[in-house]
Amino acid sequence: MKTFFTSVVVFCLAVSFLFSQESKKTPAPKEFTKAEVLAHKNILDFLAAVNPATDYSKYTVRSFELSTAVASDAGEKTKTSELGPGGTWSEKQKQMLEKAQQGNVYSVQNIRAIEPGKKGVQNLSGFSFIIKD
């Protein structure tokens, strides 16, 4: 009986471990056209489109960073990033997105936001997306 009970406990722990590992996988970047990205006037709307299961309406964004890797004519890649104040696209970020080509991968990270009723600024989870056309 002890062997059976031990086996059941070990089995349950193994299944629990496997499910916890599955939930930690990074989701594949979603694809958007340039127009779809720029149609989101603020980063919270875009976050809701990327992750509709989370309610971002309670946050006020202080700043966020948009970055991508740009290939030169020689084939070398250079990381380009722009910090946007507030929760809307800065002019430089808009220019980065307007120059985007199909297949370019962009990342939104360092999303600093304030949640009412909580002290300090929080970092919201960043995400990546691919430009499609």
Protein backbone atom coordinates (compact mmCIF):
# COMPACT_ATOMS: atom_id res chain seq x y z
CA MET A 1 0.00 0.00 0.00
CA LYS A 2 2.86 2.39 0.80
CA THR A 3 4.38 1.69 -2.62
CA PHE A 4 1.10 2.49 -4.36
CA PHE A 5 0.67 5.71 -2.40
CA THR A 6 4.28 6.76 -3.08
CA SER A 7 3.82 6.01 -6.79
CA VAL A 8 0.67 8.14 -6.94
CA VAL A 9 2.42 11.05 -5.19
CA VAL A 10 5.44 10.85 -7.53
CA PHE A 11 3.15 10.69 -10.56
CA CYS A 12 1.17 13.74 -9.41
CA LEU A 13 4.35 15.72 -8.77
CA ALA A 14 5.69 14.82 -12.23
CA VAL A 15 2.45 15.90 -13.92
CA SER A 16 2.41 19.14 -11.93
CA PHE A 17 6.02 19.86 -12.93
CA LEU A 18 5.28 19.24 -16.62
CA PHE A 19 2.29 21.58 -16.59
CA SER A 20 4.28 24.30 -14.82
CA GLN A 21 7.01 24.05 -17.49
CA GLU A 22 4.40 24.23 -20.28
CA SER A 23 2.99 27.49 -18.92
CA LYS A 24 6.47 29.10 -18.87
CA LYS A 25 7.01 28.76 -22.63
CA THR A 26 7.34 32.06 -24.44
CA PRO A 27 4.50 32.52 -26.89
CA ALA A 28 5.36 33.02 -30.54
CA PRO A 29 5.29 36.64 -31.67
CA LYS A 30 1.99 37.70 -33.24
CA GLU A 31 1.91 39.21 -36.71
CA PHE A 32 0.51 42.66 -37.51
CA THR A 33 0.59 44.96 -40.51
CA LYS A 34 2.14 48.39 -40.06
CA ALA A 35 -1.32 49.90 -40.32
CA GLU A 36 -2.64 47.62 -37.56
CA VAL A 37 0.22 48.57 -35.24
CA LEU A 38 -0.08 52.30 -35.89
CA ALA A 39 -3.88 52.16 -35.53
CA HIS A 40 -3.34 51.54 -31.80
CA LYS A 41 -2.99 55.08 -30.50
CA ASN A 42 -1.59 53.93 -27.18
CA ILE A 43 0.45 51.01 -25.97
CA LEU A 44 -2.29 49.72 -23.64
CA ASP A 45 -4.62 49.14 -26.62
CA PHE A 46 -1.82 47.30 -28.39
CA LEU A 47 -1.11 45.20 -25.28
CA ALA A 48 -4.79 44.24 -25.15
CA ALA A 49 -4.60 43.12 -28.81
CA VAL A 50 -1.51 41.02 -28.11
CA ASN A 51 -2.77 39.57 -24.84
CA PRO A 52 -6.58 39.86 -24.71
CA ALA A 53 -6.81 37.77 -21.53
CA THR A 54 -5.35 40.56 -19.39
CA ASP A 55 -7.09 43.79 -18.40
CA TYR A 56 -4.69 46.68 -18.95
CA SER A 57 -7.28 49.45 -18.59
CA LYS A 58 -6.32 50.14 -14.97
CA TYR A 59 -2.74 51.14 -15.81
CA THR A 60 -1.24 54.50 -16.75
CA VAL A 61 1.93 54.04 -18.79
CA ARG A 62 4.87 56.28 -17.96
CA SER A 63 7.22 55.05 -20.70
CA PHE A 64 8.08 52.10 -22.93
CA GLU A 65 10.79 51.11 -25.37
CA LEU A 66 10.36 49.96 -28.98
CA SER A 67 13.32 48.15 -30.51
CA THR A 68 14.28 46.23 -33.64
CA ALA A 69 17.38 45.02 -35.46
CA VAL A 70 18.16 46.90 -38.68
CA ALA A 71 20.30 45.26 -41.37
CA SER A 72 22.82 47.42 -43.21
CA ASP A 73 23.72 47.03 -46.88
CA ALA A 74 26.72 44.94 -45.76
CA GLY A 75 24.36 42.57 -43.93
CA GLU A 76 25.35 43.63 -40.42
CA LYS A 77 22.50 43.98 -37.94
CA THR A 78 22.31 46.92 -35.58
CA LYS A 79 19.81 47.14 -32.75
CA THR A 80 17.76 50.31 -32.86
CA SER A 81 15.54 51.37 -29.99
CA GLU A 82 13.54 54.40 -28.98
CA LEU A 83 12.08 55.24 -25.61
CA GLY A 84 8.59 56.70 -25.75
CA PRO A 85 7.38 58.97 -22.96
CA GLY A 86 3.87 58.20 -21.81
CA GLY A 87 1.73 55.52 -23.36
CA THR A 88 1.58 56.77 -26.96
CA TRP A 89 3.94 56.26 -29.90
CA SER A 90 6.63 58.93 -30.06
CA GLU A 91 7.41 60.47 -33.46
CA LYS A 92 10.67 58.47 -33.69
CA GLN A 93 8.82 55.24 -32.85
CA LYS A 94 6.24 56.01 -35.55
CA GLN A 95 9.06 56.58 -38.03
CA MET A 96 10.63 53.24 -37.07
CA LEU A 97 7.32 51.48 -37.70
CA GLU A 98 6.64 53.30 -40.96
CA LYS A 99 10.03 52.09 -42.28
CA ALA A 100 9.26 48.49 -41.27
CA GLN A 101 9.40 45.79 -43.90
CA GLN A 102 7.65 42.45 -44.01
CA GLY A 103 9.29 40.01 -41.61
CA ASN A 104 10.86 42.64 -39.35
CA VAL A 105 10.62 41.72 -35.68
CA TYR A 106 9.94 44.45 -33.13
CA SER A 107 9.99 44.28 -29.35
CA VAL A 108 8.12 46.41 -26.86
CA GLN A 109 9.82 46.27 -23.49
CA ASN A 110 10.52 48.21 -20.33
CA ILE A 111 6.84 49.14 -20.07
CA ARG A 112 6.76 51.24 -16.93
CA ALA A 113 3.24 51.74 -15.61
CA ILE A 114 1.38 52.95 -12.57
CA GLU A 115 -1.55 51.03 -11.13
CA PRO A 116 -3.99 53.06 -9.02
CA GLY A 117 -3.85 52.12 -5.35
CA LYS A 118 -0.32 50.70 -5.54
CA LYS A 119 2.88 52.51 -4.70
CA GLY A 120 5.61 53.00 -7.24
CA VAL A 121 5.99 52.12 -10.88
CA GLN A 122 5.69 48.56 -12.16
CA ASN A 123 7.23 46.90 -15.19
CA LEU A 124 4.61 45.23 -17.38
CA SER A 125 5.60 42.21 -19.45
CA GLY A 126 7.11 43.05 -22.80
CA PHE A 127 6.31 41.32 -26.08
CA SER A 128 7.49 40.93 -29.65
CA PHE A 129 5.62 41.16 -32.92
CA ILE A 130 6.35 40.58 -36.60
CA ILE A 131 5.41 42.92 -39.42
CA LYS A 132 3.31 41.29 -42.12
CA ASP A 133 1.99 42.77 -45.35
